Protein backbone atom coordinates (compact mmCIF):
# COMPACT_ATOMS: atom_id res chain seq x y z
CA UNK A 1 176.35 0.36 -59.20
CA UNK A 2 177.51 2.07 -55.99
CA UNK A 3 176.66 5.49 -57.46
CA UNK A 4 173.11 4.34 -58.25
CA UNK A 5 172.66 3.09 -54.67
CA UNK A 6 173.92 6.38 -53.29
CA UNK A 7 171.51 8.31 -55.53
CA UNK A 8 168.62 6.32 -54.07
CA UNK A 9 169.77 6.92 -50.48
CA UNK A 10 170.60 10.63 -50.66
CA UNK A 11 167.40 12.68 -50.62
CA UNK A 12 166.81 14.97 -53.56
CA UNK A 13 167.14 18.68 -52.97
CA UNK A 14 163.89 20.55 -52.80
CA UNK A 15 163.23 23.27 -55.31
CA UNK A 16 163.62 26.73 -53.81
CA UNK A 17 160.35 28.19 -52.51
CA UNK A 18 159.04 30.87 -54.82
CA UNK A 19 158.25 34.13 -53.07
CA UNK A 20 155.14 34.45 -55.25
CA UNK A 21 153.40 31.80 -53.13
CA UNK A 22 154.39 33.36 -49.81
CA UNK A 23 151.94 36.21 -50.51
CA UNK A 24 148.87 33.94 -50.73
CA UNK A 25 147.26 35.31 -47.55
CA UNK A 26 147.75 38.92 -48.59
CA UNK A 27 147.52 38.94 -52.40
CA UNK A 28 145.74 35.73 -53.41
CA UNK A 29 142.30 35.62 -55.01
CA UNK A 30 140.63 34.09 -51.98
CA UNK A 31 141.80 36.74 -49.51
CA UNK A 32 141.48 39.84 -51.68
CA UNK A 33 138.87 39.21 -54.35
CA UNK A 34 136.53 36.74 -52.65
CA UNK A 35 137.05 37.64 -49.01
CA UNK A 36 136.89 41.42 -49.39
CA UNK A 37 134.75 42.08 -52.46
CA UNK A 38 132.67 39.15 -53.76
CA UNK A 39 131.50 38.09 -50.30
CA UNK A 40 129.38 41.25 -50.18
CA UNK A 41 128.10 41.04 -53.76
CA UNK A 42 125.71 38.16 -54.44
CA UNK A 43 125.66 38.64 -58.20
CA UNK A 44 129.43 38.75 -58.64
CA UNK A 45 129.94 35.88 -56.19
CA UNK A 46 127.69 33.71 -58.36
CA UNK A 47 129.43 34.83 -61.55
CA UNK A 48 132.77 33.83 -60.08
CA UNK A 49 131.87 30.47 -58.51
CA UNK A 50 128.50 29.62 -60.19
CA UNK A 51 126.86 29.17 -56.76
CA UNK A 52 125.32 31.72 -54.43
CA UNK A 53 126.74 32.16 -50.94
CA UNK A 54 124.13 29.92 -49.27
CA UNK A 55 124.82 27.12 -51.73
CA UNK A 56 128.58 27.54 -51.28
CA UNK A 57 128.27 27.37 -47.49
CA UNK A 58 126.04 24.29 -47.74
CA UNK A 59 128.54 22.47 -49.97
CA UNK A 60 131.34 23.55 -47.64
CA UNK A 61 129.52 22.10 -44.64
CA UNK A 62 129.42 18.72 -46.38
CA UNK A 63 133.12 18.51 -47.19
CA UNK A 64 134.80 20.76 -44.63
CA UNK A 65 135.90 18.06 -42.23
CA UNK A 66 137.41 15.82 -44.93
CA UNK A 67 139.43 18.52 -46.71
CA UNK A 68 140.75 20.30 -43.60
CA UNK A 69 144.47 19.90 -42.91
CA UNK A 70 145.84 20.43 -39.42
CA UNK A 71 148.76 22.86 -38.92
CA UNK A 72 152.23 21.32 -38.69
CA UNK A 73 155.72 22.63 -38.03
CA UNK A 74 156.39 22.50 -41.73
CA UNK A 75 153.04 24.03 -42.74
CA UNK A 76 151.88 26.27 -39.87
CA UNK A 77 149.09 27.85 -41.98
CA UNK A 78 147.55 25.18 -44.22
CA UNK A 79 145.15 26.15 -46.99
CA UNK A 80 141.65 26.48 -45.58
CA UNK A 81 138.77 24.25 -46.75
CA UNK A 82 136.94 27.39 -47.96
CA UNK A 83 139.81 28.24 -50.26
CA UNK A 84 140.12 24.66 -51.53
CA UNK A 85 136.41 24.56 -52.40
CA UNK A 86 136.54 28.00 -54.04
CA UNK A 87 139.56 26.94 -56.11
CA UNK A 88 137.85 23.74 -57.26
CA UNK A 89 134.63 25.56 -58.17
CA UNK A 90 136.60 28.20 -60.06
CA UNK A 91 138.29 25.45 -62.06
CA UNK A 92 134.86 23.99 -62.90
CA UNK A 93 133.51 27.42 -63.79
CA UNK A 94 136.33 28.41 -66.15
CA UNK A 95 138.49 25.41 -67.05
CA UNK A 96 141.61 27.54 -66.47
CA UNK A 97 144.88 25.65 -66.45
CA UNK A 98 146.44 24.91 -63.07
CA UNK A 99 149.39 27.12 -63.97
CA UNK A 100 147.01 30.01 -64.59
CA UNK A 101 145.17 29.40 -61.32
CA UNK A 102 148.54 29.25 -59.53
CA UNK A 103 149.20 32.91 -60.35
CA UNK A 104 145.79 34.09 -59.16
CA UNK A 105 145.39 31.95 -56.03
CA UNK A 106 149.12 32.02 -55.18
CA UNK A 107 149.29 28.24 -54.83
CA UNK A 108 151.74 26.11 -56.82
CA UNK A 109 150.22 24.35 -59.80
CA UNK A 110 151.43 20.96 -58.56
CA UNK A 111 149.60 21.38 -55.27
CA UNK A 112 146.51 22.73 -57.04
CA UNK A 113 146.28 19.41 -58.89
CA UNK A 114 146.26 17.62 -55.52
CA UNK A 115 143.64 19.98 -54.08
CA UNK A 116 141.34 19.57 -57.09
CA UNK A 117 141.72 15.79 -57.12
CA UNK A 118 141.01 15.37 -53.40
CA UNK A 119 138.17 17.91 -53.28
CA UNK A 120 136.39 16.43 -56.30
CA UNK A 121 136.62 12.94 -54.81
CA UNK A 122 134.99 14.12 -51.56
CA UNK A 123 132.38 16.20 -53.41
CA UNK A 124 131.40 13.16 -55.46
CA UNK A 125 131.02 11.08 -52.31
CA UNK A 126 128.86 13.69 -50.55
CA UNK A 127 126.77 15.07 -53.41
CA UNK A 128 125.69 11.91 -55.25
CA UNK A 129 123.35 10.63 -52.50
CA UNK A 130 121.68 14.07 -52.37
CA UNK A 131 121.41 15.15 -55.99
CA UNK A 132 121.97 11.98 -58.03
CA UNK A 133 120.37 9.21 -55.96
CA UNK A 134 119.53 5.66 -57.00
CA UNK A 135 117.02 5.83 -59.90
CA UNK A 136 115.00 3.03 -58.27
CA UNK A 137 113.94 5.61 -55.65
CA UNK A 138 112.66 8.12 -58.24
CA UNK A 139 108.91 8.68 -58.65
CA UNK A 140 108.64 7.92 -62.37
CA UNK A 141 104.89 8.47 -62.43
CA UNK A 142 105.55 12.12 -61.65
CA UNK A 143 108.27 12.22 -64.30
CA UNK A 144 105.81 10.83 -66.86
CA UNK A 145 103.25 13.50 -65.97
CA UNK A 146 105.88 16.22 -66.41
CA UNK A 147 106.85 14.93 -69.85
CA UNK A 148 103.21 14.85 -70.94
CA UNK A 149 102.47 18.35 -69.63
CA UNK A 150 105.63 20.00 -70.97
CA UNK A 151 106.49 18.00 -74.08
CA UNK A 152 103.20 16.33 -75.10
CA UNK A 153 104.63 12.82 -74.94
CA UNK A 154 102.57 10.46 -72.74
CA UNK A 155 103.99 7.49 -70.82
CA UNK A 156 107.52 8.89 -71.20
CA UNK A 157 109.66 8.94 -68.07
CA UNK A 158 113.12 9.96 -69.35
CA UNK A 159 115.18 10.73 -72.43
CA UNK A 160 118.66 9.28 -72.98
CA UNK A 161 121.71 10.46 -74.90
CA UNK A 162 125.49 10.40 -74.71
CA UNK A 163 128.20 12.99 -75.34
CA UNK A 164 131.92 12.90 -75.93
CA UNK A 165 133.81 15.06 -73.41
CA UNK A 166 137.16 16.10 -74.85
CA UNK A 167 140.21 15.32 -72.69
CA UNK A 168 143.97 15.39 -73.05
CA UNK A 169 145.35 12.04 -74.14
CA UNK A 170 146.20 9.85 -71.11
CA UNK A 171 149.62 8.22 -71.06
CA UNK A 172 149.92 4.77 -72.63
CA UNK A 173 146.23 4.69 -73.60
CA UNK A 174 146.72 3.84 -77.25
CA UNK A 175 143.53 4.39 -79.24
CA UNK A 176 141.09 3.57 -76.43
CA UNK A 177 139.97 7.19 -76.03
CA UNK A 178 140.21 8.08 -79.75
CA UNK A 179 136.68 8.63 -81.09
CA UNK A 180 135.14 8.79 -84.57
CA UNK A 181 135.50 12.60 -84.55
CA UNK A 182 139.25 12.01 -84.36
CA UNK A 183 139.97 13.45 -80.95
CA UNK A 184 140.48 12.07 -77.44
CA UNK A 185 137.42 11.80 -75.19
CA UNK A 186 135.52 10.05 -72.45
CA UNK A 187 131.79 9.43 -72.70
CA UNK A 188 129.01 10.85 -70.55
CA UNK A 189 125.83 8.79 -71.00
CA UNK A 190 122.85 10.36 -69.26
CA UNK A 191 119.12 9.96 -68.69
CA UNK A 192 117.36 13.31 -68.34
CA UNK A 193 113.88 14.25 -67.10
CA UNK A 194 111.49 16.87 -68.48
CA UNK A 195 113.12 19.60 -66.35
CA UNK A 196 116.66 19.03 -67.72
CA UNK A 197 117.80 17.19 -64.58
CA UNK A 198 120.18 14.23 -64.77
CA UNK A 199 118.47 11.18 -63.26
CA UNK A 200 121.04 8.50 -64.09
CA UNK A 201 124.50 8.82 -65.63
CA UNK A 202 127.34 6.58 -66.74
CA UNK A 203 130.75 8.25 -66.91
CA UNK A 204 134.18 7.18 -68.04
CA UNK A 205 133.64 4.86 -70.99
CA UNK A 206 136.27 5.04 -73.72
CA UNK A 207 135.73 7.50 -76.55
CA UNK A 208 135.92 4.74 -79.16
CA UNK A 209 132.72 3.13 -77.85
CA UNK A 210 129.19 3.94 -79.04
CA UNK A 211 125.96 4.76 -77.22
CA UNK A 212 124.40 1.33 -77.56
CA UNK A 213 127.44 -0.62 -76.36
CA UNK A 214 127.97 1.69 -73.36
CA UNK A 215 124.28 1.53 -72.47
CA UNK A 216 124.17 -2.27 -72.55
CA UNK A 217 127.12 -2.67 -70.19
CA UNK A 218 126.10 0.16 -67.82
CA UNK A 219 124.20 -0.38 -64.58
CA UNK A 220 121.23 1.62 -65.84
CA UNK A 221 121.10 -0.42 -69.04
CA UNK A 222 121.20 -3.71 -67.17
CA UNK A 223 118.49 -2.54 -64.79
CA UNK A 224 116.18 -1.53 -67.64
CA UNK A 225 116.72 -4.73 -69.61
CA UNK A 226 116.23 -6.83 -66.46
CA UNK A 227 113.15 -4.80 -65.42
CA UNK A 228 114.70 -3.67 -62.11
CA UNK A 229 114.91 0.05 -62.93
CA UNK A 230 111.65 0.92 -61.20
CA UNK A 231 109.70 1.68 -64.38
CA UNK A 232 105.95 1.96 -63.58
CA UNK A 233 103.43 -0.60 -64.80
CA UNK A 234 101.82 -0.24 -68.21
CA UNK A 235 99.00 2.29 -68.40
CA UNK A 236 96.55 3.59 -71.01
CA UNK A 237 97.40 6.46 -73.30
CA UNK A 238 95.35 9.61 -72.56
CA UNK A 239 91.88 9.42 -74.10
CA UNK A 240 92.16 5.73 -75.00
CA UNK A 241 91.92 2.28 -73.46
CA UNK A 242 95.16 1.14 -75.09
CA UNK A 243 97.74 0.17 -72.47
CA UNK A 244 101.41 0.63 -73.36
CA UNK A 245 104.65 0.46 -71.34
CA UNK A 246 106.33 3.57 -69.97
CA UNK A 247 109.23 4.42 -72.25
CA UNK A 248 112.59 6.16 -72.45
CA UNK A 249 113.33 8.18 -75.60
CA UNK A 250 116.59 7.71 -77.48
CA UNK A 251 118.04 8.31 -80.93
CA UNK A 252 119.07 5.89 -83.68
CA UNK A 253 122.10 4.73 -81.68
CA UNK A 254 119.95 2.85 -79.15
CA UNK A 255 118.29 -0.51 -79.58
CA UNK A 256 114.53 -0.51 -79.94
CA UNK A 257 112.99 -2.12 -76.86
CA UNK A 258 109.57 -2.10 -75.24
CA UNK A 259 110.90 0.49 -72.76
CA UNK A 260 113.19 2.34 -75.20
CA UNK A 261 111.82 4.16 -78.24
CA UNK A 262 113.92 5.44 -81.10
CA UNK A 263 112.82 7.24 -84.29
CA UNK A 264 112.12 5.56 -87.60
CA UNK A 265 115.03 5.74 -90.03
CA UNK A 266 115.01 8.62 -92.51
CA UNK A 267 114.66 6.14 -95.36
CA UNK A 268 111.54 4.48 -93.93
CA UNK A 269 109.98 7.79 -92.82
CA UNK A 270 110.41 9.43 -96.21
CA UNK A 271 106.98 9.72 -97.82
CA UNK A 272 105.18 8.31 -94.73
CA UNK A 273 103.47 11.14 -92.86
CA UNK A 274 102.67 9.00 -89.80
CA UNK A 275 106.30 8.05 -89.28
CA UNK A 276 107.40 11.64 -89.91
CA UNK A 277 104.98 12.93 -87.25
CA UNK A 278 106.15 10.27 -84.79
CA UNK A 279 109.79 11.22 -85.40
CA UNK A 280 108.97 14.89 -84.84
CA UNK A 281 107.11 14.27 -81.59
CA UNK A 282 109.87 12.00 -80.28
CA UNK A 283 112.65 14.41 -81.26
CA UNK A 284 110.80 17.33 -79.69
CA UNK A 285 110.56 15.52 -76.35
CA UNK A 286 114.07 14.08 -76.56
CA UNK A 287 115.50 17.57 -76.96
CA UNK A 288 115.65 17.82 -73.16
CA UNK A 289 118.93 15.90 -73.32
CA UNK A 290 120.50 18.48 -75.66
CA UNK A 291 119.22 21.28 -73.44
CA UNK A 292 120.60 19.61 -70.30
CA UNK A 293 124.05 19.15 -71.83
CA UNK A 294 123.90 22.73 -73.13
CA UNK A 295 123.09 24.12 -69.68
CA UNK A 296 125.79 21.98 -68.07
CA UNK A 297 128.48 23.38 -70.36
CA UNK A 298 127.05 26.91 -70.16
CA UNK A 299 127.43 26.99 -66.37
CA UNK A 300 130.63 24.95 -66.05
CA UNK A 301 132.99 26.21 -68.73
CA UNK A 302 135.53 23.50 -68.00
CA UNK A 303 133.68 21.57 -70.72
CA UNK A 304 134.64 24.16 -73.33
CA UNK A 305 138.20 22.88 -73.77
CA UNK A 306 140.11 19.61 -73.45
CA UNK A 307 140.22 18.66 -69.77
CA UNK A 308 143.83 18.10 -68.81
CA UNK A 309 143.62 16.00 -65.65
CA UNK A 310 143.90 12.34 -64.70
CA UNK A 311 141.06 10.26 -66.18
CA UNK A 312 139.83 9.14 -62.74
CA UNK A 313 139.71 12.74 -61.57
CA UNK A 314 138.00 13.68 -64.84
CA UNK A 315 135.26 11.13 -64.11
CA UNK A 316 134.81 12.66 -60.65
CA UNK A 317 134.67 16.13 -62.21
CA UNK A 318 131.88 15.17 -64.62
CA UNK A 319 129.84 13.51 -61.85
CA UNK A 320 130.26 16.50 -59.52
CA UNK A 321 129.27 18.90 -62.31
CA UNK A 322 126.10 16.86 -62.94
CA UNK A 323 125.27 16.90 -59.21
CA UNK A 324 125.76 20.67 -58.98
CA UNK A 325 123.68 21.06 -62.15
CA UNK A 326 120.82 19.15 -60.48
CA UNK A 327 121.13 21.28 -57.36
CA UNK A 328 120.80 24.43 -59.47
CA UNK A 329 117.85 22.97 -61.43
CA UNK A 330 116.10 22.29 -58.10
CA UNK A 331 116.64 25.96 -57.16
CA UNK A 332 118.10 24.63 -53.90
CA UNK A 333 118.76 27.48 -51.42
CA UNK A 334 117.81 30.11 -53.99
CA UNK A 335 116.53 33.29 -52.38
CA UNK A 336 113.40 33.52 -54.55
CA UNK A 337 112.90 29.79 -55.07
CA UNK A 338 113.37 30.13 -58.84
CA UNK A 339 115.90 28.39 -61.08
CA UNK A 340 118.69 30.87 -61.78
CA UNK A 341 120.20 29.34 -64.93
CA UNK A 342 117.52 29.14 -67.60
CA UNK A 343 117.48 28.58 -71.34
CA UNK A 344 116.46 31.85 -72.97
CA UNK A 345 116.51 30.06 -76.30
CA UNK A 346 117.68 26.71 -77.56
CA UNK A 347 121.17 26.46 -76.15
CA UNK A 348 123.80 25.54 -78.76
CA UNK A 349 126.06 22.69 -77.80
CA UNK A 350 129.73 23.67 -77.64
CA UNK A 351 132.35 22.04 -79.81
CA UNK A 352 133.96 20.22 -76.89
CA UNK A 353 130.85 18.12 -76.10
CA UNK A 354 129.62 16.33 -79.22
CA UNK A 355 127.11 13.59 -79.95
CA UNK A 356 128.12 9.96 -80.20
CA UNK A 357 128.20 8.15 -83.51
CA UNK A 358 124.89 6.89 -84.78
CA UNK A 359 124.95 3.12 -85.02
CA UNK A 360 122.13 0.78 -85.89
CA UNK A 361 120.89 -1.41 -83.05
CA UNK A 362 118.83 -4.57 -83.04
CA UNK A 363 115.04 -4.39 -83.17
CA UNK A 364 112.75 -6.24 -80.82
CA UNK A 365 109.25 -7.41 -81.71
CA UNK A 366 107.81 -5.83 -78.55
CA UNK A 367 109.63 -2.57 -79.27
CA UNK A 368 108.26 -2.42 -82.83
CA UNK A 369 104.73 -3.00 -81.57
CA UNK A 370 104.98 -0.30 -78.88
CA UNK A 371 106.42 2.22 -81.37
CA UNK A 372 103.58 1.51 -83.83
CA UNK A 373 100.99 2.16 -81.11
CA UNK A 374 102.54 5.54 -80.34
CA UNK A 375 102.71 6.31 -84.07
CA UNK A 376 98.99 5.72 -84.51
CA UNK A 377 98.18 7.62 -81.33
CA UNK A 378 100.02 10.76 -82.47
CA UNK A 379 97.97 10.98 -85.68
CA UNK A 380 94.63 10.22 -83.99
CA UNK A 381 93.70 10.83 -80.33
CA UNK A 382 97.05 12.44 -79.49
CA UNK A 383 97.27 14.71 -82.53
CA UNK A 384 98.09 18.42 -82.03
CA UNK A 385 97.50 21.44 -84.24
CA UNK A 386 101.22 22.26 -84.52
CA UNK A 387 102.63 18.85 -85.46
CA UNK A 388 101.95 19.12 -89.22
């Protein structure tokens, strides 16, 4: 008993300081590679951190004060906020392990985990109001016009889908994060506009849950069902006097609702050309979700392997990645005003971000009626030459 008390009183010996980390200011990535080479090469700077220098400096200005540490007797030269941000962005860009980043940045892997956790938390706090604001403030009439012009689907404001993001199994989590694909994941549920931007997201649900259940308990789901999401009033379909609600496009996992359309089942659409055409038109417009997830993982390669960080930090990471994705889609602070990351062709979704299980949801009478109106419209006034 006395020995146990003494063990609690006597401080543990610190591990000896590794000389590898003492060369951070002379041999580390930030000093040598970024500070002396990439800073003068716009193309390579973007390849390394996924942002151009103006975007990097803008993000730095938002978080600099919160992530700056003052010098102390014990740490006379603390890590600069520039280096912390560059390290965090490099982790997002590559998904390298902290031990791998420790060798390149000359910072211990244990402290890198602290830097990434704290920086992501501040980035989430600062970026969400700018690039992922409250959906109630979004101009959905403009979103509907964009969907009609780009994807030939009138009265559509958003498309919705969810993806499993593979993570390392959290301690003592049991089967909560174990999904139907038989791996550990958290769920990213997102509403996307016609330009592949994330308008509303729900992050952190357990991998065992499905799209419909996550949607119903999420803030966005409750707002839509309670008619507080800011959806515009009903309006007529182009070329007709038939008024229908503005809708959000989903797949079979979502419940049919007057504001949420899903395709007809394969069984009911088989042999029915009208239902087949409706399914095609809906799937064509809903593809923006697949493209958005594809672009997200193309730019931020952290999504290409299991993310081995605390689940709370993982949630922050996904939200920050979505905010940065929106900033890039807006071409914010781009020299030529054009979006840099484009889809040259249909972007394949990587194996680490997979669709949620398809589950049948309940039908609503209003939802059935709205879907039938769109079905008839697509084979009459809204027909196109390429849909058959």
